[in-house]
Protein backbone atom coordinates (compact mmCIF):
# COMPACT_ATOMS: atom_id res chain seq x y z
CA MET A 1 149.75 123.10 200.04
CA GLU A 2 149.57 123.92 196.32
CA LEU A 3 148.48 121.00 194.18
CA THR A 4 147.95 120.75 190.49
CA TYR A 5 144.51 120.42 188.96
CA ASN A 6 145.05 116.65 188.19
CA GLU A 7 146.34 115.92 191.68
CA LYS A 8 143.30 117.56 193.20
CA ARG A 9 141.07 115.68 190.94
CA LEU A 10 142.52 112.31 191.83
CA LEU A 11 142.22 113.13 195.53
CA ALA A 12 138.57 114.22 195.02
CA VAL A 13 137.84 110.89 193.40
CA LEU A 14 139.66 108.63 195.92
CA LYS A 15 137.80 110.05 198.85
CA PRO A 16 134.17 109.26 197.86
CA LEU A 17 135.32 105.79 196.55
CA LYS A 18 136.77 105.02 199.99
CA ASP A 19 133.65 106.35 201.72
CA ALA A 20 131.40 104.20 199.55
CA GLU A 21 133.56 101.07 200.32
CA GLU A 22 133.35 101.73 204.05
CA ALA A 23 129.60 102.26 203.78
CA ARG A 24 129.27 98.89 201.93
CA SER A 25 131.32 97.11 204.65
CA LYS A 26 129.05 98.45 207.37
CA ALA A 27 125.91 97.55 205.41
CA VAL A 28 126.88 94.02 204.75
CA GLU A 29 128.32 93.18 208.12
CA PRO A 30 124.90 92.09 209.67
CA ILE A 31 124.26 89.99 206.58
CA ARG A 32 127.70 88.39 206.78
CA GLU A 33 127.02 87.43 210.34
CA THR A 34 123.62 85.94 209.80
CA LEU A 35 123.48 84.64 206.21
CA LYS A 36 127.21 84.33 205.74
CA GLY A 37 126.85 86.04 202.41
CA ILE A 38 126.63 89.45 200.76
CA GLY A 39 123.37 89.78 199.00
CA ASP A 40 123.06 93.52 198.34
CA GLY A 41 126.73 94.61 198.35
CA ARG A 42 126.34 96.44 195.04
CA SER A 43 123.48 98.63 196.24
CA ALA A 44 125.36 99.27 199.40
CA ARG A 45 128.07 100.70 197.28
CA ILE A 46 125.90 102.55 194.86
CA ASN A 47 123.58 104.37 197.35
CA PRO A 48 126.36 106.38 199.16
CA LEU A 49 127.96 107.17 195.80
CA LYS A 50 124.64 108.49 194.46
CA ASP A 51 124.24 110.63 197.61
CA THR A 52 127.73 111.99 197.03
CA LEU A 53 127.07 112.61 193.35
CA LYS A 54 124.22 115.01 194.19
CA VAL A 55 126.49 117.15 196.29
CA LEU A 56 129.30 117.10 193.72
CA GLU A 57 126.88 118.21 191.02
CA GLU A 58 125.61 121.09 193.10
CA THR A 59 129.10 122.30 193.93
CA ARG A 60 130.43 121.76 190.34
CA ASN A 61 133.10 119.50 191.91
CA ILE A 62 135.79 118.11 189.58
CA ALA A 63 135.02 114.64 190.87
CA PHE A 64 131.40 114.72 189.51
CA LEU A 65 132.01 112.98 186.13
CA PRO A 66 134.36 110.28 187.45
CA ILE A 67 132.08 109.33 190.27
CA LYS A 68 129.08 109.33 187.82
CA LYS A 69 130.97 106.89 185.65
CA ALA A 70 131.89 104.79 188.71
CA ILE A 71 128.22 104.39 189.42
CA GLU A 72 127.53 103.30 185.87
CA LEU A 73 130.26 100.73 186.08
CA LEU A 74 128.88 99.34 189.29
CA GLU A 75 125.40 99.10 187.82
CA ASN A 76 126.67 97.25 184.74
CA THR A 77 129.42 95.12 186.20
CA THR A 78 129.30 91.85 188.12
CA GLU A 79 129.76 92.41 191.84
CA GLY A 80 133.38 91.79 192.94
CA THR A 81 135.11 92.31 189.58
CA LEU A 82 136.12 95.85 190.38
CA GLY A 83 137.93 94.99 193.64
CA PRO A 84 137.73 97.03 196.90
CA MET A 85 137.00 100.67 196.02
CA HIS A 86 139.00 102.01 198.93
CA THR A 87 142.16 100.75 197.09
CA PRO A 88 141.30 100.94 193.41
CA ASP A 89 143.90 100.22 190.78
CA ALA A 90 145.22 102.71 188.25
CA ALA A 91 143.44 101.00 185.37
CA TYR A 92 139.98 101.49 187.00
CA LEU A 93 140.72 105.08 187.98
CA ALA A 94 141.92 105.88 184.41
CA ARG A 95 138.65 104.43 183.11
CA ILE A 96 136.37 106.53 185.28
CA MET A 97 138.56 109.66 184.96
CA ASP A 98 138.75 109.43 181.10
CA SER A 99 142.62 109.43 181.44
CA THR A 100 145.44 106.96 180.86
CA GLU A 101 146.81 104.54 183.34
CA GLU A 102 150.27 106.15 183.06
CA ALA A 103 148.89 109.61 183.78
CA VAL A 104 147.01 108.34 186.90
CA VAL A 105 150.20 106.67 188.22
CA GLN A 106 152.07 109.87 187.68
CA TYR A 107 149.56 112.00 189.58
CA ALA A 108 149.42 109.33 192.35
CA ASN A 109 153.20 109.38 192.72
CA LEU A 110 153.13 113.13 193.11
CA LEU A 111 150.53 112.80 195.86
CA GLN A 112 152.58 110.01 197.48
CA ASP A 113 155.57 112.35 197.65
CA ARG A 114 153.41 114.71 199.59
CA GLY A 115 152.09 111.94 201.89
CA LEU A 116 148.50 112.27 200.47
CA ALA A 117 148.27 108.90 198.73
CA ILE A 118 149.92 105.43 198.69
CA VAL A 119 150.96 103.79 195.43
CA GLU A 120 151.63 100.01 195.63
CA LYS A 121 153.03 98.22 192.56
CA LYS A 122 152.02 94.64 191.96
CA SER A 123 153.43 92.36 189.28
CA VAL A 124 152.37 88.94 188.19
CA VAL A 125 154.54 86.77 185.97
CA THR A 126 153.01 84.34 183.51
CA TYR A 127 154.39 82.36 180.59
CA ARG A 128 153.12 81.99 177.05
CA LEU A 129 154.29 79.56 174.32
CA THR A 130 155.83 81.16 171.26
CA GLU A 131 154.66 80.23 167.76
CA GLU A 132 157.31 77.54 167.65
CA GLY A 133 156.49 76.36 171.08
CA GLU A 134 152.75 75.93 170.12
CA GLU A 135 153.85 73.94 167.15
CA TYR A 136 155.97 71.59 169.31
CA ARG A 137 153.21 71.29 171.86
CA LYS A 138 151.08 69.77 169.13
CA SER A 139 153.66 67.68 167.33
CA GLY A 140 156.28 67.08 170.02
CA LEU A 141 159.84 68.35 170.46
CA PRO A 142 162.31 67.49 167.58
CA GLU A 143 164.35 65.15 169.78
CA ARG A 144 161.22 63.28 170.85
CA ASN A 145 160.14 62.81 167.27
CA LEU A 146 163.66 61.66 166.35
CA ILE A 147 163.98 59.13 169.26
CA ASP A 148 160.52 57.75 168.30
CA SER A 149 161.47 57.35 164.62
CA PHE A 150 163.78 54.33 165.11
CA ASP A 151 163.85 51.20 167.21
CA THR A 152 167.29 50.68 168.88
CA GLU A 153 169.87 52.00 166.40
CA ILE A 154 170.19 53.79 163.10
CA PRO A 155 172.99 55.07 160.86
CA MET A 156 173.67 58.77 161.30
CA GLY A 157 173.14 59.31 157.61
CA GLU A 158 169.68 57.91 157.75
CA LEU A 159 168.76 59.89 160.82
CA GLN A 160 169.90 63.09 159.21
CA LYS A 161 167.25 62.58 156.54
CA HIS A 162 164.60 63.24 159.19
CA PRO A 163 163.13 66.79 158.64
CA GLN A 164 163.87 67.65 162.35
CA SER A 165 167.39 66.22 162.46
CA ARG A 166 169.18 69.65 162.32
CA LEU A 167 167.63 70.65 165.66
CA GLY A 168 166.96 67.26 167.22
CA ILE A 169 170.30 65.42 167.00
CA GLY A 170 172.10 67.98 169.21
CA TRP A 171 169.38 67.65 171.85
CA LEU A 172 169.45 63.83 171.71
CA ARG A 173 173.07 64.00 172.65
CA LYS A 174 172.62 66.76 175.25
CA LYS A 175 169.78 64.85 177.03
CA GLY A 176 171.89 61.64 176.94
CA TRP A 177 169.28 59.66 175.09
CA VAL A 178 171.62 58.19 172.51
CA ASP A 179 175.24 57.17 171.94
CA ILE A 180 176.91 58.06 168.67
CA LYS A 181 179.85 55.84 167.59
CA ASP A 182 181.32 55.11 164.16
CA GLY A 183 178.45 56.74 162.46
CA ILE A 184 175.78 54.69 164.32
CA VAL A 185 173.15 56.27 166.63
CA THR A 186 172.16 53.89 169.38
CA LYS A 187 169.45 54.40 172.11
CA LYS A 188 170.68 54.33 175.68
CA GLY A 189 167.39 53.13 177.11
CA GLU A 190 163.91 54.53 177.86
CA ALA A 191 163.64 58.19 177.10
CA ALA A 192 161.38 59.37 179.88
CA GLU A 193 159.35 62.55 179.51
CA GLY A 194 161.52 65.49 180.47
CA VAL A 195 160.60 68.53 182.60
CA ASP A 196 160.69 70.63 179.41
CA GLU A 197 157.99 68.45 177.79
CA SER A 198 155.87 68.68 180.85
CA ALA A 199 156.18 72.47 180.84
CA LEU A 200 155.31 72.52 177.16
CA LYS A 201 151.93 70.97 177.98
CA ASN A 202 151.27 73.35 180.88
CA PRO A 203 153.52 76.43 180.83
CA VAL A 204 152.88 77.75 184.31
CA PRO A 205 155.47 79.27 186.76
CA SER A 206 155.42 76.13 188.96
CA GLN A 207 156.74 73.96 186.16
CA PRO A 208 160.54 73.28 186.74
CA GLY A 209 161.06 72.99 182.98
CA ILE A 210 159.79 76.41 182.12
CA GLN A 211 163.38 77.83 182.19
CA ASP A 212 164.39 75.30 179.63
CA LEU A 213 161.62 76.51 177.37
CA LEU A 214 162.69 80.09 177.77
CA LYS A 215 166.31 79.25 176.85
CA ARG A 216 165.14 77.51 173.70
CA LYS A 217 162.81 80.38 172.88
CA LEU A 218 159.79 78.15 172.98
CA ALA A 219 158.14 80.27 175.64
CA GLU A 220 158.19 83.90 176.62
CA GLU A 221 157.70 85.56 180.00
CA ILE A 222 154.87 88.06 180.36
CA GLU A 223 154.90 90.41 183.35
CA SER A 224 151.59 92.11 184.18
CA VAL A 225 152.00 95.16 186.32
CA SER A 226 149.20 96.95 188.22
CA TYR A 227 149.28 99.91 190.59
CA ILE A 228 146.99 99.98 193.63
CA ILE A 229 146.21 103.56 194.86
CA SER A 230 144.75 104.54 198.17
CA ILE A 231 144.24 107.87 199.90
CA THR A 232 145.94 108.52 203.26
CA PRO A 233 144.33 110.07 206.40
CA LYS A 234 146.31 113.25 205.52
CA GLY A 235 144.76 113.22 202.10
CA GLU A 236 141.30 112.75 203.51
CA ASN A 237 141.78 115.58 205.90
CA LEU A 238 142.87 117.87 203.10
CA VAL A 239 139.79 117.11 201.08
CA GLU A 240 137.47 117.58 204.02
CA SER A 241 139.17 120.82 205.17
CA GLY A 242 137.83 122.71 202.10
CA LEU A 243 140.16 121.92 199.19
CA ASP A 244 139.06 124.05 196.24
CA LEU A 245 137.69 121.33 193.95
CA ARG A 246 136.05 123.55 191.40
CA GLN A 247 137.07 123.01 187.83
CA GLU A 248 139.74 125.25 186.60
CA VAL A 249 139.00 127.41 183.53
CA MET A 250 141.77 127.59 180.93
CA THR A 251 140.12 129.93 178.37
CA LEU A 252 137.50 132.51 178.73
CA THR A 253 134.60 133.05 176.32
CA SER A 254 133.61 136.53 175.13
CA GLU A 255 130.25 136.05 177.07
CA GLN A 256 132.14 135.43 180.33
CA ILE A 257 134.27 138.53 179.80
CA ARG A 258 131.34 140.70 178.79
CA THR A 259 129.04 139.75 181.71
CA GLY A 260 131.79 139.75 184.34
CA GLU A 261 131.21 136.09 185.10
CA TRP A 262 135.00 135.45 184.89
CA LYS A 263 135.35 137.13 188.31
CA ASN A 264 133.61 134.10 189.98
CA LEU A 265 135.52 131.41 188.06
CA ARG A 266 138.58 129.55 189.18
CA LEU A 267 141.18 130.46 186.57
CA ARG A 268 144.09 128.32 185.87
CA LYS A 269 147.41 129.72 187.10
CA TYR A 270 150.37 130.05 184.74
CA SER A 271 153.98 130.74 185.71
CA THR A 272 155.75 133.63 183.95
CA LYS A 273 159.07 132.69 185.22
CA THR A 274 161.86 131.95 182.75
CA PRO A 275 161.99 128.12 182.30
CA LYS A 276 165.10 126.13 182.84
CA ARG A 277 167.14 125.19 179.78
CA VAL A 278 165.36 122.45 177.83
CA TYR A 279 167.43 119.83 176.00
CA ALA A 280 165.93 118.37 172.86
CA GLY A 281 165.80 114.59 172.51
CA LYS A 282 168.28 113.17 170.05
CA ASN A 283 170.01 109.97 169.13
CA HIS A 284 173.26 108.99 170.84
CA PRO A 285 176.14 110.50 168.90
CA TYR A 286 177.67 107.08 168.29
CA GLN A 287 174.40 105.64 167.11
CA GLN A 288 173.95 108.64 164.88
CA LEU A 289 177.38 108.04 163.24
CA ILE A 290 176.45 104.30 162.72
CA ASP A 291 173.14 105.38 161.11
CA ASP A 292 175.15 107.75 158.90
CA MET A 293 177.36 104.91 157.75
CA ARG A 294 174.35 102.78 157.03
CA GLN A 295 172.75 105.57 154.96
CA ILE A 296 175.93 106.07 152.92
CA LEU A 297 176.11 102.42 152.01
CA PHE A 298 172.37 102.40 151.06
CA GLU A 299 173.12 105.35 148.73
CA MET A 300 175.92 103.31 147.15
CA GLY A 301 173.52 100.57 146.27
CA PHE A 302 174.21 98.06 149.09
CA THR A 303 171.77 95.75 150.83
CA GLU A 304 172.03 95.22 154.58
CA MET A 305 172.52 91.75 156.02
CA ASN A 306 171.82 90.64 159.62
CA GLY A 307 172.48 87.69 161.85
CA GLY A 308 172.89 86.52 165.44
CA ILE A 309 175.82 87.16 167.78
CA VAL A 310 176.29 83.49 168.52
CA GLU A 311 178.04 81.47 165.81
CA SER A 312 179.55 78.08 165.54
CA SER A 313 183.30 77.95 165.18
CA PHE A 314 182.65 76.46 161.76
CA TRP A 315 181.09 79.68 160.51
CA ASN A 316 183.25 82.06 162.62
CA PHE A 317 186.58 80.43 161.72
CA ASP A 318 186.64 77.29 159.56
CA VAL A 319 184.78 78.62 156.49
CA LEU A 320 187.30 81.50 156.45
CA PHE A 321 190.12 79.02 156.01
CA GLN A 322 191.45 79.80 159.48
CA PRO A 323 193.35 76.73 160.70
CA GLN A 324 191.99 75.07 163.84
CA ASP A 325 195.32 75.62 165.63
CA HIS A 326 195.36 79.39 164.90
CA PRO A 327 196.19 81.58 167.89
CA ALA A 328 192.94 83.62 167.40
CA ARG A 329 191.00 80.42 168.28
CA GLU A 330 192.51 80.16 171.75
CA MET A 331 190.51 80.66 174.95
CA GLN A 332 192.33 83.93 175.76
CA ASP A 333 191.19 85.59 172.57
CA THR A 334 187.68 84.32 172.03
CA PHE A 335 184.54 84.00 174.17
CA PHE A 336 183.67 80.25 173.92
CA LEU A 337 180.17 79.21 174.99
CA ASP A 338 178.95 75.97 176.57
CA LEU A 339 176.96 75.23 173.38
CA GLU A 340 177.39 73.21 170.19
CA GLU A 341 175.74 73.55 166.78
CA GLU A 342 175.34 70.74 164.24
CA LEU A 343 177.53 71.27 161.11
CA PRO A 344 175.54 72.17 157.98
CA ALA A 345 175.03 69.97 155.01
CA GLY A 346 178.19 69.96 152.76
CA TYR A 347 180.60 70.77 155.61
CA GLU A 348 182.85 68.04 154.24
CA LYS A 349 184.03 70.42 151.48
CA ILE A 350 185.34 72.81 154.21
CA ARG A 351 187.03 69.87 155.96
CA ASP A 352 188.69 68.75 152.70
CA MET A 353 189.81 72.31 152.02
CA HIS A 354 191.61 72.54 155.32
CA ILE A 355 193.20 69.04 155.03
CA SER A 356 194.24 69.01 151.30
CA GLY A 357 192.89 72.03 149.51
CA GLY A 358 189.87 70.20 148.16
CA ASP A 359 189.29 70.64 144.48
CA THR A 360 191.17 73.95 144.28
CA THR A 361 194.92 74.69 143.52
CA SER A 362 195.48 75.11 147.24
CA THR A 363 197.32 72.49 149.28
CA GLY A 364 195.35 73.24 152.46
CA TRP A 365 196.76 73.34 155.88
CA GLY A 366 197.28 69.56 156.28
CA GLY A 367 197.02 67.78 159.61
CA GLU A 368 193.77 66.88 161.32
CA TRP A 369 190.44 68.75 161.17
CA LYS A 370 188.12 67.99 164.12
CA GLU A 371 184.40 68.16 163.74
CA LYS A 372 183.95 68.63 167.46
CA LYS A 373 186.06 71.82 167.44
CA ALA A 374 184.09 73.16 164.47
CA MET A 375 180.72 72.64 166.37
CA GLN A 376 181.82 74.64 169.35
CA CYS A 377 179.87 77.91 169.63
CA VAL A 378 181.40 81.36 170.23
CA LEU A 379 180.39 84.98 170.50
CA ARG A 380 181.27 86.07 166.98
CA THR A 381 184.71 87.73 166.77
CA HIS A 382 183.82 89.48 163.49
CA THR A 383 180.89 89.94 161.12
CA THR A 384 182.66 88.13 158.14
CA SER A 385 180.80 85.00 159.06
CA LEU A 386 177.56 86.71 157.93
CA SER A 387 179.24 87.59 154.67
CA ILE A 388 180.07 83.96 153.80
CA GLN A 389 176.54 82.80 154.85
CA TYR A 390 175.05 85.52 152.65
CA LEU A 391 177.19 84.44 149.64
CA LYS A 392 176.18 80.81 150.27
CA ASP A 393 172.53 81.83 149.84
CA HIS A 394 173.28 84.25 146.95
CA PRO A 395 175.93 82.58 144.79
CA GLU A 396 174.99 84.32 141.63
CA PRO A 397 176.17 87.96 140.81
CA PRO A 398 175.72 90.79 141.34
CA VAL A 399 175.93 90.98 145.11
CA LYS A 400 176.52 94.13 147.12
CA ALA A 401 175.86 93.69 150.84
CA PHE A 402 177.07 95.13 154.20
CA CYS A 403 176.55 94.60 157.92
CA ILE A 404 177.06 96.79 160.93
CA GLY A 405 177.01 94.64 164.07
CA ARG A 406 178.62 94.05 167.47
CA VAL A 407 181.46 91.64 167.87
CA TYR A 408 183.27 90.28 170.85
CA ARG A 409 186.93 89.54 171.71
CA ARG A 410 188.62 88.83 174.99
CA GLU A 411 190.61 92.05 175.37
CA ALA A 412 191.52 94.10 178.38
CA ILE A 413 189.48 97.29 178.77
CA ASP A 414 191.57 100.44 178.27
CA ALA A 415 191.43 103.63 176.38
CA THR A 416 191.68 101.98 172.94
CA HIS A 417 190.24 98.48 173.58
CA THR A 418 186.97 97.04 174.78
CA PRO A 419 185.76 93.40 174.71
CA GLU A 420 182.85 94.42 172.53
CA PHE A 421 182.60 96.89 169.69
CA GLU A 422 180.84 97.48 166.39
CA GLN A 423 182.31 96.38 163.07
CA LEU A 424 181.30 97.31 159.55
CA GLU A 425 181.56 94.57 156.93
CA GLY A 426 181.07 94.87 153.25
CA ILE A 427 181.23 92.49 150.18
CA VAL A 428 180.90 92.98 146.41
CA MET A 429 180.70 89.97 144.03
CA ASP A 430 180.37 90.38 140.25
CA LYS A 431 182.03 89.33 137.02
CA ASP A 432 185.47 90.82 136.43
CA VAL A 433 185.63 92.98 139.61
CA ASN A 434 189.25 93.48 140.79
CA LEU A 435 191.47 95.38 143.27
CA ARG A 436 190.90 98.75 141.64
CA HIS A 437 187.08 98.43 142.05
CA LEU A 438 187.71 97.62 145.72
CA MET A 439 189.88 100.76 146.17
CA GLY A 440 187.19 102.81 144.37
CA PHE A 441 184.44 101.59 146.70
CA LEU A 442 186.55 102.27 149.82
CA LYS A 443 187.68 105.70 148.61
CA GLU A 444 184.04 106.81 147.92
CA PHE A 445 182.89 105.60 151.28
CA TYR A 446 185.57 107.24 153.29
CA GLN A 447 185.19 110.48 151.42
CA LYS A 448 181.43 110.53 152.08
CA MET A 449 182.35 110.07 155.72
CA GLY A 450 184.45 113.25 155.54
CA PHE A 451 187.91 111.88 155.04
CA GLU A 452 189.10 113.68 151.87
CA ASN A 453 192.51 112.11 151.60
CA VAL A 454 192.68 108.31 151.31
CA ARG A 455 195.57 106.04 150.39
CA PHE A 456 196.19 102.24 150.39
CA ARG A 457 199.19 100.01 151.31
CA PRO A 458 199.70 96.27 151.08
CA GLY A 459 198.53 94.14 153.96
CA TYR A 460 198.00 90.55 155.02
CA PHE A 461 194.80 88.76 156.16
CA PRO A 462 194.40 84.99 156.29
CA TYR A 463 191.33 84.85 154.05
CA THR A 464 191.94 87.49 151.43
CA GLU A 465 194.56 87.66 148.76
CA PRO A 466 195.64 90.21 147.65
CA SER A 467 195.05 92.36 150.72
CA ILE A 468 195.27 96.05 151.31
CA GLU A 469 194.80 98.40 154.30
CA PRO A 470 193.17 101.84 153.63
CA GLU A 471 194.58 104.89 155.39
CA VAL A 472 193.00 108.33 155.87
CA TRP A 473 194.63 111.66 156.63
CA VAL A 474 193.63 113.14 160.01
CA ASP A 475 194.87 116.66 160.95
CA GLY A 476 197.09 116.44 163.97
CA LEU A 477 197.55 112.66 163.66
CA GLY A 478 198.75 112.11 160.05
CA TRP A 479 197.89 108.90 158.23
CA VAL A 480 195.68 106.53 160.25
CA GLU A 481 194.82 102.96 159.22
CA LEU A 482 191.13 102.26 159.08
CA GLY A 483 190.39 98.57 158.56
CA GLY A 484 191.44 95.80 156.27
CA SER A 485 190.30 94.61 152.82
CA GLY A 486 191.06 92.30 149.95
CA ILE A 487 189.66 89.69 147.60
CA PHE A 488 188.51 86.47 149.13
CA ARG A 489 190.81 83.49 148.53
CA GLU A 490 189.51 80.57 146.49
CA GLU A 491 189.64 78.38 149.62
CA VAL A 492 186.87 80.58 151.04
CA THR A 493 184.55 80.82 148.04
CA ALA A 494 185.08 77.55 146.12
CA PRO A 495 183.29 75.24 148.67
CA TRP A 496 180.07 77.20 148.04
CA GLY A 497 180.26 77.09 144.30
CA ILE A 498 181.07 80.79 143.99
CA LYS A 499 182.82 81.38 140.61
CA TYR A 500 183.42 85.09 140.56
CA PRO A 501 185.71 87.41 142.54
CA VAL A 502 184.39 88.72 145.88
CA LEU A 503 185.69 92.00 147.26
CA ALA A 504 185.61 92.25 151.03
CA TRP A 505 186.44 94.80 153.66
CA GLY A 506 185.86 95.47 157.32
CA LEU A 507 186.56 98.33 159.78
CA GLY A 508 185.91 99.13 163.42
CA ALA A 509 183.08 101.63 163.64
CA SER A 510 184.22 102.82 167.06
CA ARG A 511 187.67 103.76 165.62
CA VAL A 512 185.93 105.99 163.08
CA ALA A 513 183.79 107.46 165.85
CA MET A 514 186.92 108.40 167.90
CA LEU A 515 188.43 110.17 164.89
CA LYS A 516 185.23 111.97 163.94
CA MET A 517 184.42 113.08 167.51
CA GLY A 518 187.98 113.83 168.65
CA LEU A 519 187.87 111.36 171.49
CA LYS A 520 190.96 110.12 173.37
CA ASP A 521 189.13 107.30 175.20
CA LEU A 522 187.09 104.59 173.42
CA ARG A 523 185.09 104.00 176.62
CA GLN A 524 183.44 107.43 176.21
CA LEU A 525 181.23 105.90 173.49
CA TYR A 526 179.60 103.43 175.96
CA ARG A 527 179.30 105.55 179.13
CA SER A 528 176.09 107.12 180.39
CA ASP A 529 177.45 110.60 180.18
CA VAL A 530 174.33 112.70 179.73
CA ASP A 531 176.22 116.00 179.51
CA TRP A 532 178.39 114.65 176.72
CA VAL A 533 175.40 113.41 174.80
CA ARG A 534 173.59 116.80 175.21
CA ASN A 535 176.53 118.85 174.06
CA GLU A 536 177.87 116.72 171.28
CA PRO A 537 176.85 118.25 167.93
CA ILE A 538 173.77 116.77 166.37
CA ALA A 539 175.11 116.52 162.78
CA ARG A 540 178.48 116.49 161.14
CA SER A 541 179.24 117.59 157.57
CA ARG A 542 179.64 114.93 154.94
CA ARG A 543 181.32 115.35 151.65
CA TYR A 544 179.24 114.26 148.66
């Protein structure tokens, strides 16, 4: 049986460790029976190891240094902290072998495949409070502080002045601690300590509220994994039968060559066979294309914006002047979640914009605008919600920002549709920018992506006016539409005090990928097709 040097070395270490443990057990057995204690267990371990060490040194055995270090650890470590040595863990073996835990596990798995060792994986799950969780452990959850801040009832406007109202009011309602009617918040009785508050004080696995803390990102799960390694009888027999445990020599000195000493050395074997084809590591072709888009926009002077995939309907639909009865807001088109988010300060301007047009020249949509519907959370259907929030926080020009993020829509999966895909969103806000600037930005971007011929045609989108659709020429396909664009309507920008034109555009990154890579099926981008990833070209030419 041909073993590698490292496999032999691990076997050579496991055998004397097991022998030492068995010797210890025999030595302490009489003491256990009479004194019910183990008084000299450490020396019972050390003595057989020291005897073994002498033999290892004399034979220049590859286990000499690890066993020497094991003795040092035993002499300097409290008895019992190292565990039974006949089944040491990978961390201990890595320490005495001057290796890494990962390498030891790798060698042990190879031995296990040959039936020479056993590898047992053990995992322990613990929980730790996040920074926010630690803060709440000291000061209390937001809903607890809110419920303790008033006696029996309080106007909603007053309660919203509390610094923790944004997070706490929703949880007051969710836990059923209050009733809210006609703008008055009334306690429903005694608010007993919840399981989440108990878990906050003592975040251990047995606490029923620990899952609530995980969902609120107030705690995090930590899994500690260890590997216990033991030698099998077959492995012991192999070591005892004369396994060559001399150190391998990888390089020869001039002295060894001159004196002929090399003839008595155990030289490391090298294979001269032609190796199998080696594939270099690389990014997924789709990720590479997305990175390419990102780099182009950086070169054009844009800043990247980011945000979460869960948005309230307020940010996903209402701020974009999309009426609450719009078909896109129906259950069959959007992933609605069993969550609600409090409306931000100043939401009344959006409400008024929908009902009557607010302070603008618009007449709005008329009808009724429901706060409850605006609070409903969804998986974002586009990244335009990030653009509006970015403009709200940066109302003064100049602004040039973009986002490449995943969006979600309830669509049947086929060759050209998936329920989740990547969207590129861009905005430019400055004094006196107009439609010609928008077409210039888009033309430059698409040409840098390799589409030399770009044209535009009129389009319609509910939150831009005027609106245009860019098209690019693709050999074999002709003119292909790639996204939508326009200038944000005043109903979108006016509520946030934005006084200058905002150019906006969006496109499906996966659609660009299909054209660039010549794909017929969109699903190819998301499959674990290793052969395709290996053979797809690493880089594509860009026109600058």
